[in-house]
Amino acid sequence: MSNNITYDIFPDGLGFYANCDGQHVGEITFVRVGIDKLIIDHTGVTEKYRNEHVGLNLVRHVVDLARNQNRKIITMCPFAKAMFSRYSEFDDVRFLHVR
């Protein structure tokens, strides 16, 4: 559909927005737990962009942040949980390495 999708961190640092041509098309939110964990609690993508890997790329942005901060991720969001089960690229940041 479109390749001008950009990803920006929330001003409070607790999530990422996905935007396409200035329009909000998705978001992912998380909370920090202690000094070494994040909990992904929500991922949402507008229906028009659900087959464009926007949700997966939002998860990847949180994973990159976790790697940079030496944190593990707990997935409470069903979408993020599904992506963690499907893609082994997330294994290194998975808290309680269970598939």
Protein backbone atom coordinates (compact mmCIF):
# COMPACT_ATOMS: atom_id res chain seq x y z
CA MET A 1 0.00 0.00 0.00
CA SER A 2 2.47 2.62 1.13
CA ASN A 3 6.10 2.76 2.06
CA ASN A 4 6.04 6.22 3.68
CA ILE A 5 5.22 4.84 7.10
CA THR A 6 7.25 6.42 9.88
CA TYR A 7 7.58 5.32 13.48
CA ASP A 8 8.04 7.81 16.31
CA ILE A 9 8.36 7.31 20.04
CA PHE A 10 5.68 8.83 22.27
CA PRO A 11 6.72 12.04 24.06
CA ASP A 12 6.54 10.13 27.39
CA GLY A 13 8.71 7.31 25.95
CA LEU A 14 6.09 4.63 26.63
CA GLY A 15 5.10 3.69 23.12
CA PHE A 16 5.47 4.31 19.42
CA TYR A 17 3.19 5.85 16.80
CA ALA A 18 2.99 4.70 13.19
CA ASN A 19 2.15 7.48 10.75
CA CYS A 20 1.64 7.48 7.01
CA ASP A 21 1.68 10.80 5.16
CA GLY A 22 0.89 12.60 8.42
CA GLN A 23 -2.00 10.30 9.33
CA HIS A 24 -1.98 8.17 12.50
CA VAL A 25 -2.24 4.51 11.43
CA GLY A 26 -1.13 2.59 14.53
CA GLU A 27 0.41 2.56 17.97
CA ILE A 28 2.00 0.27 20.52
CA THR A 29 2.23 0.96 24.24
CA PHE A 30 4.26 -0.53 27.06
CA VAL A 31 5.12 0.04 30.68
CA ARG A 32 8.48 -0.27 32.36
CA VAL A 33 8.72 -2.77 35.19
CA GLY A 34 11.74 -2.38 37.43
CA ILE A 35 15.04 -1.69 35.78
CA ASP A 36 15.09 -4.63 33.39
CA LYS A 37 11.63 -5.36 31.96
CA LEU A 38 8.96 -3.91 29.68
CA ILE A 39 5.37 -5.07 29.35
CA ILE A 40 3.78 -4.56 25.94
CA ASP A 41 0.13 -3.98 26.79
CA HIS A 42 -1.46 -2.72 23.57
CA THR A 43 -0.93 -2.72 19.82
CA GLY A 44 -3.45 -1.16 17.48
CA VAL A 45 -3.39 -0.59 13.72
CA THR A 46 -6.13 0.93 11.59
CA GLU A 47 -7.85 -1.67 9.45
CA LYS A 48 -6.59 -0.20 6.18
CA TYR A 49 -2.96 -0.86 7.26
CA ARG A 50 -3.30 -4.27 8.93
CA ASN A 51 -1.68 -6.14 6.03
CA GLU A 52 1.24 -3.74 5.74
CA HIS A 53 3.33 -5.15 8.64
CA VAL A 54 2.72 -1.98 10.66
CA GLY A 55 1.97 -3.96 13.83
CA LEU A 56 5.02 -6.16 13.38
CA ASN A 57 7.22 -3.11 12.81
CA LEU A 58 5.81 -1.47 15.95
CA VAL A 59 6.77 -4.59 17.92
CA ARG A 60 10.24 -4.43 16.34
CA HIS A 61 10.66 -0.84 17.53
CA VAL A 62 9.89 -1.84 21.13
CA VAL A 63 12.26 -4.81 20.81
CA ASP A 64 15.05 -2.52 19.57
CA LEU A 65 14.44 -0.20 22.50
CA ALA A 66 14.53 -3.14 24.93
CA ARG A 67 17.79 -4.37 23.43
CA ASN A 68 19.36 -0.92 23.75
CA GLN A 69 18.23 -0.70 27.38
CA ASN A 70 19.16 -4.32 28.26
CA ARG A 71 15.55 -5.16 29.12
CA LYS A 72 13.39 -8.24 28.65
CA ILE A 73 9.82 -8.04 27.33
CA ILE A 74 6.63 -9.50 28.73
CA THR A 75 3.82 -9.60 26.16
CA MET A 76 0.36 -8.98 27.61
CA CYS A 77 -1.01 -7.71 24.30
CA PRO A 78 -2.43 -10.61 22.22
CA PHE A 79 -0.94 -9.27 18.98
CA ALA A 80 2.56 -8.83 20.44
CA LYS A 81 2.30 -12.26 22.06
CA ALA A 82 1.46 -13.76 18.65
CA MET A 83 4.41 -12.01 17.00
CA PHE A 84 6.78 -13.23 19.72
CA SER A 85 5.50 -16.78 19.14
CA ARG A 86 5.83 -16.51 15.37
CA TYR A 87 9.24 -14.83 15.02
CA SER A 88 12.39 -16.22 16.63
CA GLU A 89 14.12 -12.84 16.09
CA PHE A 90 12.52 -11.78 19.39
CA ASP A 91 13.82 -14.70 21.45
CA ASP A 92 16.72 -12.74 22.94
CA VAL A 93 14.42 -10.21 24.65
CA ARG A 94 11.63 -12.58 25.63
CA PHE A 95 11.12 -12.75 29.39
CA LEU A 96 10.68 -16.38 30.44
CA HIS A 97 11.78 -17.88 27.16
CA VAL A 98 8.67 -19.96 26.45
CA ARG A 99 7.13 -20.42 23.01
